[in-house]
């Protein structure tokens, strides 16, 4: 499996934490739509996410467009766990590198 970027991990983690649709993912991650939506497409293409559209009639009754809801697949959970462990392992290394330059 290809290594996930920190922005991709951020998007995947937000969905794993219960954030389910685009605008909420933008808010949770602080990333721009031009970053988030391509990531969502790639994650779904790679089988790490699945999406479904909500019922349009219900959304329109609430005066808004239908939302596309995302959920993390089993494969996505495994990828997120691996990527999170890899980034956590870097934190002590990055701290030492910064002190070495001082």
PDB file of N, CA and C in Angstrom:
ATOM      1  N   UNK A   1       0.839  -1.189   0.000  1.00  0.00           N
ATOM      2  CA  UNK A   1       0.000   0.000   0.000  1.00  0.00           C
ATOM      3  C   UNK A   1       0.882   1.249   0.000  1.00  0.00           C
ATOM      4  N   UNK A   2       0.485   2.227  -0.739  1.00  0.00           N
ATOM      5  CA  UNK A   2       1.201   3.490  -0.869  1.00  0.00           C
ATOM      6  C   UNK A   2       1.119   4.273   0.445  1.00  0.00           C
ATOM      7  N   UNK A   3       2.184   4.967   0.798  1.00  0.00           N
ATOM      8  CA  UNK A   3       2.220   5.778   2.016  1.00  0.00           C
ATOM      9  C   UNK A   3       1.234   6.945   1.879  1.00  0.00           C
ATOM     10  N   UNK A   4       0.487   7.211   2.943  1.00  0.00           N
ATOM     11  CA  UNK A   4      -0.501   8.284   2.942  1.00  0.00           C
ATOM     12  C   UNK A   4       0.125   9.584   3.433  1.00  0.00           C
ATOM     13  N   UNK A   5      -0.163  10.677   2.743  1.00  0.00           N
ATOM     14  CA  UNK A   5       0.332  11.989   3.176  1.00  0.00           C
ATOM     15  C   UNK A   5      -0.360  12.401   4.470  1.00  0.00           C
ATOM     16  N   UNK A   6       0.215  13.365   5.156  1.00  0.00           N
ATOM     17  CA  UNK A   6      -0.375  13.838   6.407  1.00  0.00           C
ATOM     18  C   UNK A   6      -1.753  14.461   6.159  1.00  0.00           C
ATOM     19  N   UNK A   7      -1.958  15.115   5.021  1.00  0.00           N
ATOM     20  CA  UNK A   7      -3.276  15.674   4.723  1.00  0.00           C
ATOM     21  C   UNK A   7      -4.288  14.563   4.470  1.00  0.00           C
ATOM     22  N   UNK A   8      -3.850  13.503   3.810  1.00  0.00           N
ATOM     23  CA  UNK A   8      -4.741  12.369   3.573  1.00  0.00           C
ATOM     24  C   UNK A   8      -5.099  11.684   4.893  1.00  0.00           C
ATOM     25  N   UNK A   9      -4.125  11.531   5.768  1.00  0.00           N
ATOM     26  CA  UNK A   9      -4.380  10.951   7.081  1.00  0.00           C
ATOM     27  C   UNK A   9      -5.363  11.827   7.856  1.00  0.00           C
ATOM     28  N   UNK A  10      -5.211  13.129   7.752  1.00  0.00           N
ATOM     29  CA  UNK A  10      -6.113  14.056   8.440  1.00  0.00           C
ATOM     30  C   UNK A  10      -7.556  13.874   7.974  1.00  0.00           C
ATOM     31  N   UNK A  11      -7.754  13.751   6.681  1.00  0.00           N
ATOM     32  CA  UNK A  11      -9.097  13.542   6.125  1.00  0.00           C
ATOM     33  C   UNK A  11      -9.643  12.190   6.573  1.00  0.00           C
ATOM     34  N   UNK A  12      -8.853  11.158   6.448  1.00  0.00           N
ATOM     35  CA  UNK A  12      -9.289   9.815   6.825  1.00  0.00           C
ATOM     36  C   UNK A  12      -9.601   9.754   8.322  1.00  0.00           C
ATOM     37  N   UNK A  13      -8.766  10.393   9.142  1.00  0.00           N
ATOM     38  CA  UNK A  13      -8.983  10.394  10.592  1.00  0.00           C
ATOM     39  C   UNK A  13     -10.263  11.137  10.953  1.00  0.00           C
ATOM     40  N   UNK A  14     -10.544  12.238  10.272  1.00  0.00           N
ATOM     41  CA  UNK A  14     -11.774  12.988  10.577  1.00  0.00           C
ATOM     42  C   UNK A  14     -13.009  12.128  10.307  1.00  0.00           C
ATOM     43  N   UNK A  15     -12.974  11.354   9.238  1.00  0.00           N
ATOM     44  CA  UNK A  15     -14.105  10.479   8.913  1.00  0.00           C
ATOM     45  C   UNK A  15     -14.190   9.342   9.936  1.00  0.00           C
ATOM     46  N   UNK A  16     -13.053   8.786  10.306  1.00  0.00           N
ATOM     47  CA  UNK A  16     -13.035   7.728  11.317  1.00  0.00           C
ATOM     48  C   UNK A  16     -13.564   8.238  12.656  1.00  0.00           C
ATOM     49  N   UNK A  17     -13.386   9.540  12.914  1.00  0.00           N
ATOM     50  CA  UNK A  17     -13.863  10.156  14.159  1.00  0.00           C
ATOM     51  C   UNK A  17     -15.334  10.536  14.110  1.00  0.00           C
ATOM     52  N   UNK A  18     -16.004  10.275  12.984  1.00  0.00           N
ATOM     53  CA  UNK A  18     -17.438  10.521  12.915  1.00  0.00           C
ATOM     54  C   UNK A  18     -17.881  11.660  12.022  1.00  0.00           C
ATOM     55  N   UNK A  19     -16.944  12.374  11.412  1.00  0.00           N
ATOM     56  CA  UNK A  19     -17.302  13.424  10.464  1.00  0.00           C
ATOM     57  C   UNK A  19     -17.622  12.715   9.155  1.00  0.00           C
ATOM     58  N   UNK A  20     -18.802  12.970   8.586  1.00  0.00           N
ATOM     59  CA  UNK A  20     -19.256  12.122   7.491  1.00  0.00           C
ATOM     60  C   UNK A  20     -19.423  12.794   6.124  1.00  0.00           C
ATOM     61  N   UNK A  21     -19.534  14.106   6.040  1.00  0.00           N
ATOM     62  CA  UNK A  21     -19.764  14.696   4.717  1.00  0.00           C
ATOM     63  C   UNK A  21     -18.849  15.895   4.482  1.00  0.00           C
ATOM     64  N   UNK A  22     -18.733  16.278   3.220  1.00  0.00           N
ATOM     65  CA  UNK A  22     -17.755  17.239   2.742  1.00  0.00           C
ATOM     66  C   UNK A  22     -17.519  18.484   3.568  1.00  0.00           C
ATOM     67  N   UNK A  23     -18.542  19.313   3.772  1.00  0.00           N
ATOM     68  CA  UNK A  23     -18.331  20.575   4.477  1.00  0.00           C
ATOM     69  C   UNK A  23     -17.847  20.348   5.897  1.00  0.00           C
ATOM     70  N   UNK A  24     -18.336  19.324   6.555  1.00  0.00           N
ATOM     71  CA  UNK A  24     -17.864  19.025   7.909  1.00  0.00           C
ATOM     72  C   UNK A  24     -16.419  18.531   7.902  1.00  0.00           C
ATOM     73  N   UNK A  25     -16.032  17.812   6.862  1.00  0.00           N
ATOM     74  CA  UNK A  25     -14.645  17.371   6.734  1.00  0.00           C
ATOM     75  C   UNK A  25     -13.738  18.586   6.544  1.00  0.00           C
ATOM     76  N   UNK A  26     -14.186  19.546   5.734  1.00  0.00           N
ATOM     77  CA  UNK A  26     -13.423  20.782   5.544  1.00  0.00           C
ATOM     78  C   UNK A  26     -13.216  21.481   6.880  1.00  0.00           C
ATOM     79  N   UNK A  27     -14.288  21.606   7.649  1.00  0.00           N
ATOM     80  CA  UNK A  27     -14.206  22.267   8.957  1.00  0.00           C
ATOM     81  C   UNK A  27     -13.301  21.503   9.914  1.00  0.00           C
ATOM     82  N   UNK A  28     -13.433  20.192   9.956  1.00  0.00           N
ATOM     83  CA  UNK A  28     -12.670  19.380  10.906  1.00  0.00           C
ATOM     84  C   UNK A  28     -11.173  19.403  10.616  1.00  0.00           C
ATOM     85  N   UNK A  29     -10.815  19.453   9.345  1.00  0.00           N
ATOM     86  CA  UNK A  29      -9.401  19.381   8.972  1.00  0.00           C
ATOM     87  C   UNK A  29      -8.761  20.746   8.777  1.00  0.00           C
ATOM     88  N   UNK A  30      -9.572  21.750   8.476  1.00  0.00           N
ATOM     89  CA  UNK A  30      -9.019  23.070   8.166  1.00  0.00           C
ATOM     90  C   UNK A  30      -8.412  23.140   6.777  1.00  0.00           C
ATOM     91  N   UNK A  31      -8.664  22.125   5.964  1.00  0.00           N
ATOM     92  CA  UNK A  31      -8.118  22.072   4.611  1.00  0.00           C
ATOM     93  C   UNK A  31      -9.107  22.675   3.617  1.00  0.00           C
ATOM     94  N   UNK A  32      -8.586  23.122   2.490  1.00  0.00           N
ATOM     95  CA  UNK A  32      -9.410  23.718   1.442  1.00  0.00           C
ATOM     96  C   UNK A  32     -10.143  22.634   0.649  1.00  0.00           C
ATOM     97  N   UNK A  33     -11.266  23.026   0.050  1.00  0.00           N
ATOM     98  CA  UNK A  33     -12.054  22.072  -0.736  1.00  0.00           C
ATOM     99  C   UNK A  33     -11.241  21.497  -1.897  1.00  0.00           C
ATOM    100  N   UNK A  34     -10.356  22.287  -2.483  1.00  0.00           N
ATOM    101  CA  UNK A  34      -9.513  21.823  -3.583  1.00  0.00           C
ATOM    102  C   UNK A  34      -8.498  20.775  -3.156  1.00  0.00           C
ATOM    103  N   UNK A  35      -8.304  20.640  -1.853  1.00  0.00           N
ATOM    104  CA  UNK A  35      -7.447  19.601  -1.305  1.00  0.00           C
ATOM    105  C   UNK A  35      -8.277  18.397  -0.875  1.00  0.00           C
ATOM    106  N   UNK A  36      -9.376  18.655  -0.176  1.00  0.00           N
ATOM    107  CA  UNK A  36     -10.173  17.578   0.424  1.00  0.00           C
ATOM    108  C   UNK A  36     -10.882  16.720  -0.618  1.00  0.00           C
ATOM    109  N   UNK A  37     -11.558  17.335  -1.577  1.00  0.00           N
ATOM    110  CA  UNK A  37     -12.359  16.529  -2.512  1.00  0.00           C
ATOM    111  C   UNK A  37     -11.521  15.597  -3.390  1.00  0.00           C
ATOM    112  N   UNK A  38     -10.348  16.020  -3.874  1.00  0.00           N
ATOM    113  CA  UNK A  38      -9.510  15.047  -4.585  1.00  0.00           C
ATOM    114  C   UNK A  38      -9.031  13.909  -3.680  1.00  0.00           C
ATOM    115  N   UNK A  39      -8.743  14.216  -2.409  1.00  0.00           N
ATOM    116  CA  UNK A  39      -8.346  13.168  -1.471  1.00  0.00           C
ATOM    117  C   UNK A  39      -9.490  12.179  -1.282  1.00  0.00           C
ATOM    118  N   UNK A  40     -10.712  12.687  -1.102  1.00  0.00           N
ATOM    119  CA  UNK A  40     -11.866  11.802  -0.944  1.00  0.00           C
ATOM    120  C   UNK A  40     -12.020  10.885  -2.159  1.00  0.00           C
ATOM    121  N   UNK A  41     -11.848  11.439  -3.341  1.00  0.00           N
ATOM    122  CA  UNK A  41     -11.959  10.630  -4.570  1.00  0.00           C
ATOM    123  C   UNK A  41     -10.903   9.540  -4.605  1.00  0.00           C
ATOM    124  N   UNK A  42      -9.665   9.895  -4.268  1.00  0.00           N
ATOM    125  CA  UNK A  42      -8.584   8.900  -4.270  1.00  0.00           C
ATOM    126  C   UNK A  42      -8.821   7.816  -3.223  1.00  0.00           C
ATOM    127  N   UNK A  43      -9.231   8.233  -2.021  1.00  0.00           N
ATOM    128  CA  UNK A  43      -9.470   7.253  -0.965  1.00  0.00           C
ATOM    129  C   UNK A  43     -10.587   6.284  -1.348  1.00  0.00           C
ATOM    130  N   UNK A  44     -11.606   6.811  -1.995  1.00  0.00           N
ATOM    131  CA  UNK A  44     -12.696   5.924  -2.426  1.00  0.00           C
ATOM    132  C   UNK A  44     -12.237   5.013  -3.566  1.00  0.00           C
ATOM    133  N   UNK A  45     -11.513   5.577  -4.504  1.00  0.00           N
ATOM    134  CA  UNK A  45     -10.989   4.775  -5.618  1.00  0.00           C
ATOM    135  C   UNK A  45     -10.096   3.643  -5.110  1.00  0.00           C
ATOM    136  N   UNK A  46      -9.309   3.932  -4.061  1.00  0.00           N
ATOM    137  CA  UNK A  46      -8.379   2.944  -3.518  1.00  0.00           C
ATOM    138  C   UNK A  46      -9.028   1.990  -2.516  1.00  0.00           C
ATOM    139  N   UNK A  47     -10.332   2.128  -2.292  1.00  0.00           N
ATOM    140  CA  UNK A  47     -11.050   1.207  -1.420  1.00  0.00           C
ATOM    141  C   UNK A  47     -10.913   1.501   0.067  1.00  0.00           C
ATOM    142  N   UNK A  48     -10.424   2.698   0.420  1.00  0.00           N
ATOM    143  CA  UNK A  48     -10.269   3.053   1.832  1.00  0.00           C
ATOM    144  C   UNK A  48     -11.511   3.735   2.388  1.00  0.00           C
ATOM    145  N   UNK A  49     -12.350   4.235   1.504  1.00  0.00           N
ATOM    146  CA  UNK A  49     -13.625   4.863   1.866  1.00  0.00           C
ATOM    147  C   UNK A  49     -14.715   4.315   0.970  1.00  0.00           C
ATOM    148  N   UNK A  50     -15.945   4.419   1.464  1.00  0.00           N
ATOM    149  CA  UNK A  50     -17.145   4.194   0.646  1.00  0.00           C
ATOM    150  C   UNK A  50     -18.044   5.393   0.874  1.00  0.00           C
ATOM    151  N   UNK A  51     -18.796   5.737  -0.144  1.00  0.00           N
ATOM    152  CA  UNK A  51     -19.713   6.864   0.008  1.00  0.00           C
ATOM    153  C   UNK A  51     -21.106   6.486  -0.472  1.00  0.00           C
ATOM    154  N   UNK A  52     -22.085   7.184   0.074  1.00  0.00           N
ATOM    155  CA  UNK A  52     -23.474   7.039  -0.353  1.00  0.00           C
ATOM    156  C   UNK A  52     -24.106   8.425  -0.331  1.00  0.00           C
ATOM    157  N   UNK A  53     -25.039   8.626  -1.218  1.00  0.00           N
ATOM    158  CA  UNK A  53     -25.788   9.882  -1.245  1.00  0.00           C
ATOM    159  C   UNK A  53     -27.033   9.723  -0.399  1.00  0.00           C
ATOM    160  N   UNK A  54     -27.350  10.746   0.343  1.00  0.00           N
ATOM    161  CA  UNK A  54     -28.591  10.705   1.113  1.00  0.00           C
ATOM    162  C   UNK A  54     -29.776  10.917   0.183  1.00  0.00           C
ATOM    163  N   UNK A  55     -30.944  10.647   0.678  1.00  0.00           N
ATOM    164  CA  UNK A  55     -32.176  10.819  -0.077  1.00  0.00           C
ATOM    165  C   UNK A  55     -32.366  12.302  -0.422  1.00  0.00           C
ATOM    166  N   UNK A  56     -32.505  12.599  -1.708  1.00  0.00           N
ATOM    167  CA  UNK A  56     -32.657  13.990  -2.140  1.00  0.00           C
ATOM    168  C   UNK A  56     -33.915  14.644  -1.594  1.00  0.00           C
ATOM    169  N   UNK A  57     -34.996  13.911  -1.524  1.00  0.00           N
ATOM    170  CA  UNK A  57     -36.253  14.484  -1.045  1.00  0.00           C
ATOM    171  C   UNK A  57     -36.113  14.971   0.394  1.00  0.00           C
ATOM    172  N   UNK A  58     -35.469  14.178   1.227  1.00  0.00           N
ATOM    173  CA  UNK A  58     -35.268  14.577   2.618  1.00  0.00           C
ATOM    174  C   UNK A  58     -34.385  15.802   2.741  1.00  0.00           C
ATOM    175  N   UNK A  59     -33.330  15.856   1.942  1.00  0.00           N
ATOM    176  CA  UNK A  59     -32.431  17.014   1.961  1.00  0.00           C
ATOM    177  C   UNK A  59     -33.159  18.263   1.487  1.00  0.00           C
ATOM    178  N   UNK A  60     -33.918  18.139   0.411  1.00  0.00           N
ATOM    179  CA  UNK A  60     -34.645  19.290  -0.122  1.00  0.00           C
ATOM    180  C   UNK A  60     -35.712  19.761   0.855  1.00  0.00           C
ATOM    181  N   UNK A  61     -36.304  18.841   1.595  1.00  0.00           N
ATOM    182  CA  UNK A  61     -37.286  19.223   2.616  1.00  0.00           C
ATOM    183  C   UNK A  61     -36.633  20.076   3.701  1.00  0.00           C
ATOM    184  N   UNK A  62     -35.314  19.876   3.914  1.00  0.00           N
ATOM    185  CA  UNK A  62     -34.564  20.684   4.877  1.00  0.00           C
ATOM    186  C   UNK A  62     -33.968  21.933   4.230  1.00  0.00           C
ATOM    187  N   UNK A  63     -34.247  22.116   2.939  1.00  0.00           N
ATOM    188  CA  UNK A  63     -33.791  23.319   2.234  1.00  0.00           C
ATOM    189  C   UNK A  63     -32.319  23.315   1.870  1.00  0.00           C
ATOM    190  N   UNK A  64     -31.774  22.151   1.590  1.00  0.00           N
ATOM    191  CA  UNK A  64     -30.362  22.057   1.222  1.00  0.00           C
ATOM    192  C   UNK A  64     -30.168  20.949   0.188  1.00  0.00           C
ATOM    193  N   UNK A  65     -29.020  20.967  -0.475  1.00  0.00           N
ATOM    194  CA  UNK A  65     -28.739  19.884  -1.418  1.00  0.00           C
ATOM    195  C   UNK A  65     -28.449  18.582  -0.679  1.00  0.00           C
ATOM    196  N   UNK A  66     -28.562  17.483  -1.385  1.00  0.00           N
ATOM    197  CA  UNK A  66     -28.251  16.171  -0.812  1.00  0.00           C
ATOM    198  C   UNK A  66     -26.770  16.098  -0.461  1.00  0.00           C
ATOM    199  N   UNK A  67     -26.480  15.405   0.615  1.00  0.00           N
ATOM    200  CA  UNK A  67     -25.100  15.240   1.059  1.00  0.00           C
ATOM    201  C   UNK A  67     -24.586  13.870   0.658  1.00  0.00           C
ATOM    202  N   UNK A  68     -23.295  13.837   0.392  1.00  0.00           N
ATOM    203  CA  UNK A  68     -22.614  12.571   0.130  1.00  0.00           C
ATOM    204  C   UNK A  68     -21.914  12.194   1.429  1.00  0.00           C
ATOM    205  N   UNK A  69     -22.292  11.057   1.988  1.00  0.00           N
ATOM    206  CA  UNK A  69     -21.741  10.606   3.262  1.00  0.00           C
ATOM    207  C   UNK A  69     -20.638   9.580   3.023  1.00  0.00           C
ATOM    208  N   UNK A  70     -19.550   9.723   3.780  1.00  0.00           N
ATOM    209  CA  UNK A  70     -18.392   8.846   3.651  1.00  0.00           C
ATOM    210  C   UNK A  70     -18.237   7.992   4.902  1.00  0.00           C
ATOM    211  N   UNK A  71     -17.717   6.783   4.702  1.00  0.00           N
ATOM    212  CA  UNK A  71     -17.362   5.941   5.839  1.00  0.00           C
ATOM    213  C   UNK A  71     -16.072   5.209   5.495  1.00  0.00           C
ATOM    214  N   UNK A  72     -15.299   4.946   6.521  1.00  0.00           N
ATOM    215  CA  UNK A  72     -14.020   4.263   6.361  1.00  0.00           C
ATOM    216  C   UNK A  72     -14.276   2.759   6.248  1.00  0.00           C
ATOM    217  N   UNK A  73     -13.635   2.116   5.286  1.00  0.00           N
ATOM    218  CA  UNK A  73     -13.740   0.670   5.111  1.00  0.00           C
ATOM    219  C   UNK A  73     -12.749  -0.030   6.048  1.00  0.00           C
ATOM    220  N   UNK A  74     -12.827  -1.349   6.118  1.00  0.00           N
ATOM    221  CA  UNK A  74     -11.861  -2.114   6.925  1.00  0.00           C
ATOM    222  C   UNK A  74     -10.442  -1.862   6.417  1.00  0.00           C
ATOM    223  N   UNK A  75     -10.299  -1.824   5.114  1.00  0.00           N
ATOM    224  CA  UNK A  75      -8.985  -1.546   4.518  1.00  0.00           C
ATOM    225  C   UNK A  75      -8.523  -0.138   4.889  1.00  0.00           C
ATOM    226  N   UNK A  76      -9.448   0.808   4.922  1.00  0.00           N
ATOM    227  CA  UNK A  76      -9.119   2.176   5.310  1.00  0.00           C
ATOM    228  C   UNK A  76      -8.692   2.276   6.759  1.00  0.00           C
ATOM    229  N   UNK A  77      -9.349   1.513   7.626  1.00  0.00           N
ATOM    230  CA  UNK A  77      -8.978   1.494   9.045  1.00  0.00           C
ATOM    231  C   UNK A  77      -7.553   0.973   9.214  1.00  0.00           C
ATOM    232  N   UNK A  78      -7.233  -0.087   8.496  1.00  0.00           N
ATOM    233  CA  UNK A  78      -5.879  -0.652   8.572  1.00  0.00           C
ATOM    234  C   UNK A  78      -4.843   0.347   8.054  1.00  0.00           C
ATOM    235  N   UNK A  79      -5.155   1.013   6.957  1.00  0.00           N
ATOM    236  CA  UNK A  79      -4.235   2.003   6.384  1.00  0.00           C
ATOM    237  C   UNK A  79      -4.055   3.184   7.333  1.00  0.00           C
ATOM    238  N   UNK A  80      -5.132   3.608   7.965  1.00  0.00           N
ATOM    239  CA  UNK A  80      -5.064   4.717   8.909  1.00  0.00           C
ATOM    240  C   UNK A  80      -4.217   4.346  10.121  1.00  0.00           C
ATOM    241  N   UNK A  81      -4.395   3.146  10.645  1.00  0.00           N
ATOM    242  CA  UNK A  81      -3.594   2.701  11.791  1.00  0.00           C
ATOM    243  C   UNK A  81      -2.109   2.663  11.443  1.00  0.00           C
ATOM    244  N   UNK A  82      -1.782   2.143  10.273  1.00  0.00           N
ATOM    245  CA  UNK A  82      -0.389   2.061   9.841  1.00  0.00           C
ATOM    246  C   UNK A  82       0.204   3.461   9.658  1.00  0.00           C
ATOM    247  N   UNK A  83      -0.501   4.315   8.944  1.00  0.00           N
ATOM    248  CA  UNK A  83       0.001   5.668   8.688  1.00  0.00           C
ATOM    249  C   UNK A  83       0.142   6.463   9.983  1.00  0.00           C
ATOM    250  N   UNK A  84      -0.821   6.323  10.880  1.00  0.00           N
ATOM    251  CA  UNK A  84      -0.755   7.038  12.157  1.00  0.00           C
ATOM    252  C   UNK A  84       0.462   6.589  12.956  1.00  0.00           C
ATOM    253  N   UNK A  85       0.727   5.304  12.968  1.00  0.00           N
ATOM    254  CA  UNK A  85       1.904   4.778  13.679  1.00  0.00           C
ATOM    255  C   UNK A  85       3.191   5.315  13.058  1.00  0.00           C
ATOM    256  N   UNK A  86       3.231   5.383  11.733  1.00  0.00           N
ATOM    257  CA  UNK A  86       4.431   5.891  11.054  1.00  0.00           C
ATOM    258  C   UNK A  86       4.666   7.367  11.398  1.00  0.00           C
ATOM    259  N   UNK A  87       3.612   8.173  11.405  1.00  0.00           N
ATOM    260  CA  UNK A  87       3.773   9.590  11.727  1.00  0.00           C
ATOM    261  C   UNK A  87       4.094   9.802  13.202  1.00  0.00           C
ATOM    262  N   UNK A  88       3.493   8.991  14.086  1.00  0.00           N
ATOM    263  CA  UNK A  88       3.830   9.095  15.517  1.00  0.00           C
ATOM    264  C   UNK A  88       5.299   8.757  15.748  1.00  0.00           C
ATOM    265  N   UNK A  89       5.819   7.804  15.012  1.00  0.00           N
ATOM    266  CA  UNK A  89       7.223   7.414  15.150  1.00  0.00           C
ATOM    267  C   UNK A  89       8.157   8.540  14.716  1.00  0.00           C
ATOM    268  N   UNK A  90       7.713   9.409  13.838  1.00  0.00           N
ATOM    269  CA  UNK A  90       8.533  10.521  13.372  1.00  0.00           C
ATOM    270  C   UNK A  90       8.631  11.647  14.397  1.00  0.00           C
ATOM    271  N   UNK A  91       7.669  11.783  15.257  1.00  0.00           N
ATOM    272  CA  UNK A  91       7.635  12.919  16.180  1.00  0.00           C
ATOM    273  C   UNK A  91       8.903  13.006  17.024  1.00  0.00           C
ATOM    274  N   UNK A  92       9.355  11.939  17.690  1.00  0.00           N
ATOM    275  CA  UNK A  92      10.598  12.062  18.458  1.00  0.00           C
ATOM    276  C   UNK A  92      11.795  12.382  17.565  1.00  0.00           C
ATOM    277  N   UNK A  93      11.825  11.810  16.370  1.00  0.00           N
ATOM    278  CA  UNK A  93      12.918  12.058  15.440  1.00  0.00           C
ATOM    279  C   UNK A  93      12.951  13.519  15.024  1.00  0.00           C
ATOM    280  N   UNK A  94      11.814  14.094  14.742  1.00  0.00           N
ATOM    281  CA  UNK A  94      11.759  15.497  14.343  1.00  0.00           C
ATOM    282  C   UNK A  94      12.200  16.397  15.484  1.00  0.00           C
ATOM    283  N   UNK A  95      11.847  16.062  16.695  1.00  0.00           N
ATOM    284  CA  UNK A  95      12.266  16.841  17.850  1.00  0.00           C
ATOM    285  C   UNK A  95      13.779  16.836  18.017  1.00  0.00           C
ATOM    286  N   UNK A  96      14.405  15.693  17.838  1.00  0.00           N
ATOM    287  CA  UNK A  96      15.865  15.591  17.955  1.00  0.00           C
ATOM    288  C   UNK A  96      16.558  16.340  16.835  1.00  0.00           C
ATOM    289  N   UNK A  97      16.010  16.288  15.631  1.00  0.00           N
ATOM    290  CA  UNK A  97      16.619  16.969  14.494  1.00  0.00           C
ATOM    291  C   UNK A  97      16.632  18.472  14.721  1.00  0.00           C
ATOM    292  N   UNK A  98      15.561  19.004  15.288  1.00  0.00           N
ATOM    293  CA  UNK A  98      15.489  20.439  15.568  1.00  0.00           C
ATOM    294  C   UNK A  98      16.504  20.858  16.609  1.00  0.00           C
ATOM    295  N   UNK A  99      16.757  20.039  17.622  1.00  0.00           N
ATOM    296  CA  UNK A  99      17.720  20.375  18.682  1.00  0.00           C
ATOM    297  C   UNK A  99      19.150  20.265  18.169  1.00  0.00           C
ATOM    298  N   UNK A 100      19.393  19.370  17.225  1.00  0.00           N
ATOM    299  CA  UNK A 100      20.742  19.177  16.717  1.00  0.00           C
ATOM    300  C   UNK A 100      21.239  20.412  15.978  1.00  0.00           C
ATOM    301  N   UNK A 101      20.360  21.158  15.371  1.00  0.00           N
ATOM    302  CA  UNK A 101      20.737  22.355  14.611  1.00  0.00           C
ATOM    303  C   UNK A 101      21.010  23.545  15.507  1.00  0.00           C
ATOM    304  N   UNK A 102      20.485  23.545  16.690  1.00  0.00           N
ATOM    305  CA  UNK A 102      20.616  24.714  17.577  1.00  0.00           C
ATOM    306  C   UNK A 102      22.026  24.931  18.027  1.00  0.00           C
TER     307      UNK A 102
END
